[in-house]
């Protein structure tokens, strides 16, 4: 359950600006390329008492400019 704020509580609130993100800035443009890949392969011989094997791989590449 939410309670209402009083005017005094609202006036007591303060804000501040976050610093600039120079590491992501190129001129007036901020950008980051993100490439993600997920792959999986499963094999089952489909015979009685066979076991299934599976392999999975994941990669994420991020480049900033």
PDB file of N, CA and C in Angstrom:
ATOM      1  N   UNK A   1       0.843  -1.166   0.000  1.00  0.00           N
ATOM      2  CA  UNK A   1       0.000   0.000   0.000  1.00  0.00           C
ATOM      3  C   UNK A   1       0.894   1.236   0.000  1.00  0.00           C
ATOM      4  N   UNK A   2       0.604   2.178  -0.862  1.00  0.00           N
ATOM      5  CA  UNK A   2       1.384   3.409  -0.967  1.00  0.00           C
ATOM      6  C   UNK A   2       0.763   4.496  -0.104  1.00  0.00           C
ATOM      7  N   UNK A   3       1.624   5.302   0.489  1.00  0.00           N
ATOM      8  CA  UNK A   3       1.113   6.435   1.247  1.00  0.00           C
ATOM      9  C   UNK A   3       1.431   7.699   0.470  1.00  0.00           C
ATOM     10  N   UNK A   4       0.631   8.702   0.658  1.00  0.00           N
ATOM     11  CA  UNK A   4       0.834   9.959  -0.042  1.00  0.00           C
ATOM     12  C   UNK A   4       1.976  10.746   0.591  1.00  0.00           C
ATOM     13  N   UNK A   5       2.725  11.452  -0.263  1.00  0.00           N
ATOM     14  CA  UNK A   5       3.812  12.301   0.217  1.00  0.00           C
ATOM     15  C   UNK A   5       3.264  13.679   0.563  1.00  0.00           C
ATOM     16  N   UNK A   6       3.873  14.266   1.565  1.00  0.00           N
ATOM     17  CA  UNK A   6       3.477  15.632   1.919  1.00  0.00           C
ATOM     18  C   UNK A   6       4.284  16.625   1.083  1.00  0.00           C
ATOM     19  N   UNK A   7       3.828  17.867   1.050  1.00  0.00           N
ATOM     20  CA  UNK A   7       4.549  18.919   0.331  1.00  0.00           C
ATOM     21  C   UNK A   7       5.949  19.083   0.909  1.00  0.00           C
ATOM     22  N   UNK A   8       6.081  18.994   2.218  1.00  0.00           N
ATOM     23  CA  UNK A   8       7.391  19.142   2.867  1.00  0.00           C
ATOM     24  C   UNK A   8       8.344  18.024   2.422  1.00  0.00           C
ATOM     25  N   UNK A   9       7.841  16.781   2.304  1.00  0.00           N
ATOM     26  CA  UNK A   9       8.676  15.674   1.854  1.00  0.00           C
ATOM     27  C   UNK A   9       9.112  15.874   0.404  1.00  0.00           C
ATOM     28  N   UNK A  10       8.208  16.353  -0.434  1.00  0.00           N
ATOM     29  CA  UNK A  10       8.561  16.614  -1.829  1.00  0.00           C
ATOM     30  C   UNK A  10       9.599  17.718  -1.949  1.00  0.00           C
ATOM     31  N   UNK A  11       9.458  18.764  -1.164  1.00  0.00           N
ATOM     32  CA  UNK A  11      10.422  19.862  -1.205  1.00  0.00           C
ATOM     33  C   UNK A  11      11.786  19.444  -0.686  1.00  0.00           C
ATOM     34  N   UNK A  12      11.844  18.426   0.164  1.00  0.00           N
ATOM     35  CA  UNK A  12      13.108  17.952   0.717  1.00  0.00           C
ATOM     36  C   UNK A  12      13.880  17.081  -0.286  1.00  0.00           C
ATOM     37  N   UNK A  13      13.229  16.617  -1.342  1.00  0.00           N
ATOM     38  CA  UNK A  13      13.892  15.776  -2.341  1.00  0.00           C
ATOM     39  C   UNK A  13      14.901  16.595  -3.138  1.00  0.00           C
ATOM     40  N   UNK A  14      16.040  15.969  -3.484  1.00  0.00           N
ATOM     41  CA  UNK A  14      17.080  16.626  -4.268  1.00  0.00           C
ATOM     42  C   UNK A  14      17.473  15.725  -5.431  1.00  0.00           C
ATOM     43  N   UNK A  15      17.916  16.342  -6.513  1.00  0.00           N
ATOM     44  CA  UNK A  15      18.405  15.593  -7.670  1.00  0.00           C
ATOM     45  C   UNK A  15      19.789  16.090  -8.040  1.00  0.00           C
ATOM     46  N   UNK A  16      20.515  15.278  -8.784  1.00  0.00           N
ATOM     47  CA  UNK A  16      21.809  15.698  -9.306  1.00  0.00           C
ATOM     48  C   UNK A  16      22.007  15.042 -10.669  1.00  0.00           C
ATOM     49  N   UNK A  17      22.729  15.724 -11.527  1.00  0.00           N
ATOM     50  CA  UNK A  17      22.991  15.211 -12.856  1.00  0.00           C
ATOM     51  C   UNK A  17      24.095  14.165 -12.800  1.00  0.00           C
ATOM     52  N   UNK A  18      23.971  13.148 -13.642  1.00  0.00           N
ATOM     53  CA  UNK A  18      25.024  12.146 -13.747  1.00  0.00           C
ATOM     54  C   UNK A  18      26.161  12.692 -14.599  1.00  0.00           C
ATOM     55  N   UNK A  19      27.395  12.233 -14.361  1.00  0.00           N
ATOM     56  CA  UNK A  19      28.511  12.714 -15.180  1.00  0.00           C
ATOM     57  C   UNK A  19      28.371  12.228 -16.618  1.00  0.00           C
ATOM     58  N   UNK A  20      29.010  12.938 -17.545  1.00  0.00           N
ATOM     59  CA  UNK A  20      28.975  12.546 -18.959  1.00  0.00           C
ATOM     60  C   UNK A  20      29.692  11.211 -19.141  1.00  0.00           C
ATOM     61  N   UNK A  21      29.242  10.450 -20.122  1.00  0.00           N
ATOM     62  CA  UNK A  21      29.862   9.158 -20.412  1.00  0.00           C
ATOM     63  C   UNK A  21      30.862   9.333 -21.556  1.00  0.00           C
ATOM     64  N   UNK A  22      32.033   9.858 -21.242  1.00  0.00           N
ATOM     65  CA  UNK A  22      33.032  10.126 -22.276  1.00  0.00           C
ATOM     66  C   UNK A  22      33.448   8.870 -23.016  1.00  0.00           C
ATOM     67  N   UNK A  23      33.445   7.735 -22.361  1.00  0.00           N
ATOM     68  CA  UNK A  23      33.894   6.505 -23.018  1.00  0.00           C
ATOM     69  C   UNK A  23      32.960   6.067 -24.136  1.00  0.00           C
ATOM     70  N   UNK A  24      31.704   6.515 -24.122  1.00  0.00           N
ATOM     71  CA  UNK A  24      30.764   6.137 -25.172  1.00  0.00           C
ATOM     72  C   UNK A  24      30.523   7.254 -26.173  1.00  0.00           C
ATOM     73  N   UNK A  25      31.202   8.368 -26.045  1.00  0.00           N
ATOM     74  CA  UNK A  25      30.904   9.528 -26.883  1.00  0.00           C
ATOM     75  C   UNK A  25      31.874   9.613 -28.046  1.00  0.00           C
ATOM     76  N   UNK A  26      31.337   9.787 -29.239  1.00  0.00           N
ATOM     77  CA  UNK A  26      32.126  10.038 -30.436  1.00  0.00           C
ATOM     78  C   UNK A  26      31.459  11.204 -31.139  1.00  0.00           C
ATOM     79  N   UNK A  27      32.033  12.396 -31.019  1.00  0.00           N
ATOM     80  CA  UNK A  27      31.365  13.583 -31.524  1.00  0.00           C
ATOM     81  C   UNK A  27      30.109  13.820 -30.702  1.00  0.00           C
ATOM     82  N   UNK A  28      28.971  13.875 -31.348  1.00  0.00           N
ATOM     83  CA  UNK A  28      27.695  14.012 -30.646  1.00  0.00           C
ATOM     84  C   UNK A  28      26.922  12.700 -30.624  1.00  0.00           C
ATOM     85  N   UNK A  29      27.594  11.607 -30.895  1.00  0.00           N
ATOM     86  CA  UNK A  29      26.912  10.320 -31.031  1.00  0.00           C
ATOM     87  C   UNK A  29      27.433   9.328 -29.996  1.00  0.00           C
ATOM     88  N   UNK A  30      26.543   8.648 -29.334  1.00  0.00           N
ATOM     89  CA  UNK A  30      26.897   7.544 -28.438  1.00  0.00           C
ATOM     90  C   UNK A  30      26.433   6.254 -29.096  1.00  0.00           C
ATOM     91  N   UNK A  31      27.292   5.243 -29.162  1.00  0.00           N
ATOM     92  CA  UNK A  31      26.856   3.995 -29.762  1.00  0.00           C
ATOM     93  C   UNK A  31      27.677   2.830 -29.234  1.00  0.00           C
ATOM     94  N   UNK A  32      27.083   1.670 -29.298  1.00  0.00           N
ATOM     95  CA  UNK A  32      27.757   0.415 -28.956  1.00  0.00           C
ATOM     96  C   UNK A  32      27.124  -0.687 -29.804  1.00  0.00           C
ATOM     97  N   UNK A  33      27.949  -1.459 -30.488  1.00  0.00           N
ATOM     98  CA  UNK A  33      27.468  -2.604 -31.256  1.00  0.00           C
ATOM     99  C   UNK A  33      27.467  -3.831 -30.354  1.00  0.00           C
ATOM    100  N   UNK A  34      26.356  -4.550 -30.342  1.00  0.00           N
ATOM    101  CA  UNK A  34      26.243  -5.765 -29.546  1.00  0.00           C
ATOM    102  C   UNK A  34      25.837  -6.893 -30.476  1.00  0.00           C
ATOM    103  N   UNK A  35      26.601  -7.981 -30.461  1.00  0.00           N
ATOM    104  CA  UNK A  35      26.288  -9.162 -31.253  1.00  0.00           C
ATOM    105  C   UNK A  35      26.250 -10.352 -30.309  1.00  0.00           C
ATOM    106  N   UNK A  36      25.137 -11.067 -30.297  1.00  0.00           N
ATOM    107  CA  UNK A  36      24.998 -12.241 -29.430  1.00  0.00           C
ATOM    108  C   UNK A  36      24.635 -13.445 -30.279  1.00  0.00           C
ATOM    109  N   UNK A  37      25.202 -14.584 -29.947  1.00  0.00           N
ATOM    110  CA  UNK A  37      24.937 -15.805 -30.693  1.00  0.00           C
ATOM    111  C   UNK A  37      24.757 -16.962 -29.717  1.00  0.00           C
ATOM    112  N   UNK A  38      23.688 -17.707 -29.898  1.00  0.00           N
ATOM    113  CA  UNK A  38      23.437 -18.917 -29.116  1.00  0.00           C
ATOM    114  C   UNK A  38      23.262 -20.068 -30.097  1.00  0.00           C
ATOM    115  N   UNK A  39      23.906 -21.191 -29.849  1.00  0.00           N
ATOM    116  CA  UNK A  39      23.734 -22.349 -30.717  1.00  0.00           C
ATOM    117  C   UNK A  39      23.759 -23.619 -29.873  1.00  0.00           C
ATOM    118  N   UNK A  40      23.054 -24.622 -30.363  1.00  0.00           N
ATOM    119  CA  UNK A  40      22.990 -25.889 -29.652  1.00  0.00           C
ATOM    120  C   UNK A  40      22.863 -27.018 -30.659  1.00  0.00           C
ATOM    121  N   UNK A  41      23.436 -28.146 -30.334  1.00  0.00           N
ATOM    122  CA  UNK A  41      23.371 -29.319 -31.194  1.00  0.00           C
ATOM    123  C   UNK A  41      23.098 -30.532 -30.321  1.00  0.00           C
ATOM    124  N   UNK A  42      22.104 -31.317 -30.685  1.00  0.00           N
ATOM    125  CA  UNK A  42      21.780 -32.528 -29.929  1.00  0.00           C
ATOM    126  C   UNK A  42      21.769 -33.714 -30.880  1.00  0.00           C
ATOM    127  N   UNK A  43      22.195 -34.863 -30.392  1.00  0.00           N
ATOM    128  CA  UNK A  43      22.239 -36.073 -31.205  1.00  0.00           C
ATOM    129  C   UNK A  43      21.702 -37.233 -30.386  1.00  0.00           C
ATOM    130  N   UNK A  44      20.767 -37.946 -30.951  1.00  0.00           N
ATOM    131  CA  UNK A  44      20.234 -39.154 -30.326  1.00  0.00           C
ATOM    132  C   UNK A  44      20.166 -40.215 -31.411  1.00  0.00           C
ATOM    133  N   UNK A  45      20.772 -41.354 -31.176  1.00  0.00           N
ATOM    134  CA  UNK A  45      20.847 -42.414 -32.195  1.00  0.00           C
ATOM    135  C   UNK A  45      19.504 -43.102 -32.418  1.00  0.00           C
ATOM    136  N   UNK A  46      18.509 -42.818 -31.604  1.00  0.00           N
ATOM    137  CA  UNK A  46      17.158 -43.358 -31.760  1.00  0.00           C
ATOM    138  C   UNK A  46      17.105 -44.877 -31.692  1.00  0.00           C
ATOM    139  N   UNK A  47      17.954 -45.469 -30.902  1.00  0.00           N
ATOM    140  CA  UNK A  47      17.884 -46.915 -30.688  1.00  0.00           C
ATOM    141  C   UNK A  47      17.567 -47.169 -29.216  1.00  0.00           C
ATOM    142  N   UNK A  48      17.171 -48.370 -28.892  1.00  0.00           N
ATOM    143  CA  UNK A  48      16.843 -48.703 -27.513  1.00  0.00           C
ATOM    144  C   UNK A  48      18.044 -48.463 -26.602  1.00  0.00           C
ATOM    145  N   UNK A  49      17.768 -47.910 -25.467  1.00  0.00           N
ATOM    146  CA  UNK A  49      18.781 -47.624 -24.439  1.00  0.00           C
ATOM    147  C   UNK A  49      19.871 -46.667 -24.909  1.00  0.00           C
ATOM    148  N   UNK A  50      19.599 -45.872 -25.901  1.00  0.00           N
ATOM    149  CA  UNK A  50      20.605 -44.919 -26.357  1.00  0.00           C
ATOM    150  C   UNK A  50      20.593 -43.687 -25.448  1.00  0.00           C
ATOM    151  N   UNK A  51      21.675 -42.986 -25.446  1.00  0.00           N
ATOM    152  CA  UNK A  51      21.788 -41.769 -24.657  1.00  0.00           C
ATOM    153  C   UNK A  51      21.861 -40.579 -25.613  1.00  0.00           C
ATOM    154  N   UNK A  52      21.285 -39.479 -25.208  1.00  0.00           N
ATOM    155  CA  UNK A  52      21.343 -38.262 -26.021  1.00  0.00           C
ATOM    156  C   UNK A  52      22.457 -37.372 -25.495  1.00  0.00           C
ATOM    157  N   UNK A  53      23.221 -36.832 -26.389  1.00  0.00           N
ATOM    158  CA  UNK A  53      24.284 -35.894 -26.035  1.00  0.00           C
ATOM    159  C   UNK A  53      23.952 -34.539 -26.631  1.00  0.00           C
ATOM    160  N   UNK A  54      24.280 -33.495 -25.905  1.00  0.00           N
ATOM    161  CA  UNK A  54      24.002 -32.147 -26.382  1.00  0.00           C
ATOM    162  C   UNK A  54      25.164 -31.234 -26.027  1.00  0.00           C
ATOM    163  N   UNK A  55      25.419 -30.300 -26.916  1.00  0.00           N
ATOM    164  CA  UNK A  55      26.461 -29.301 -26.673  1.00  0.00           C
ATOM    165  C   UNK A  55      25.865 -27.927 -26.968  1.00  0.00           C
ATOM    166  N   UNK A  56      26.201 -26.949 -26.153  1.00  0.00           N
ATOM    167  CA  UNK A  56      25.676 -25.597 -26.367  1.00  0.00           C
ATOM    168  C   UNK A  56      26.825 -24.604 -26.247  1.00  0.00           C
ATOM    169  N   UNK A  57      26.719 -23.535 -27.018  1.00  0.00           N
ATOM    170  CA  UNK A  57      27.730 -22.481 -26.985  1.00  0.00           C
ATOM    171  C   UNK A  57      27.035 -21.122 -27.006  1.00  0.00           C
ATOM    172  N   UNK A  58      27.647 -20.161 -26.357  1.00  0.00           N
ATOM    173  CA  UNK A  58      27.102 -18.808 -26.332  1.00  0.00           C
ATOM    174  C   UNK A  58      28.257 -17.828 -26.411  1.00  0.00           C
ATOM    175  N   UNK A  59      28.069 -16.777 -27.208  1.00  0.00           N
ATOM    176  CA  UNK A  59      29.087 -15.730 -27.265  1.00  0.00           C
ATOM    177  C   UNK A  59      28.414 -14.379 -27.365  1.00  0.00           C
ATOM    178  N   UNK A  60      28.998 -13.392 -26.736  1.00  0.00           N
ATOM    179  CA  UNK A  60      28.505 -12.011 -26.788  1.00  0.00           C
ATOM    180  C   UNK A  60      29.704 -11.110 -27.048  1.00  0.00           C
ATOM    181  N   UNK A  61      29.590 -10.271 -28.083  1.00  0.00           N
ATOM    182  CA  UNK A  61      30.650  -9.347 -28.447  1.00  0.00           C
ATOM    183  C   UNK A  61      30.105  -7.920 -28.388  1.00  0.00           C
ATOM    184  N   UNK A  62      30.805  -7.038 -27.686  1.00  0.00           N
ATOM    185  CA  UNK A  62      30.392  -5.643 -27.580  1.00  0.00           C
ATOM    186  C   UNK A  62      31.556  -4.765 -28.030  1.00  0.00           C
ATOM    187  N   UNK A  63      31.283  -3.869 -28.983  1.00  0.00           N
ATOM    188  CA  UNK A  63      32.302  -2.898 -29.402  1.00  0.00           C
ATOM    189  C   UNK A  63      31.725  -1.508 -29.206  1.00  0.00           C
ATOM    190  N   UNK A  64      32.559  -0.604 -28.757  1.00  0.00           N
ATOM    191  CA  UNK A  64      32.120   0.773 -28.505  1.00  0.00           C
ATOM    192  C   UNK A  64      32.949   1.711 -29.361  1.00  0.00           C
ATOM    193  N   UNK A  65      32.311   2.761 -29.778  1.00  0.00           N
ATOM    194  CA  UNK A  65      33.053   3.732 -30.571  1.00  0.00           C
ATOM    195  C   UNK A  65      32.645   5.127 -30.220  1.00  0.00           C
TER     196      UNK A  65
END
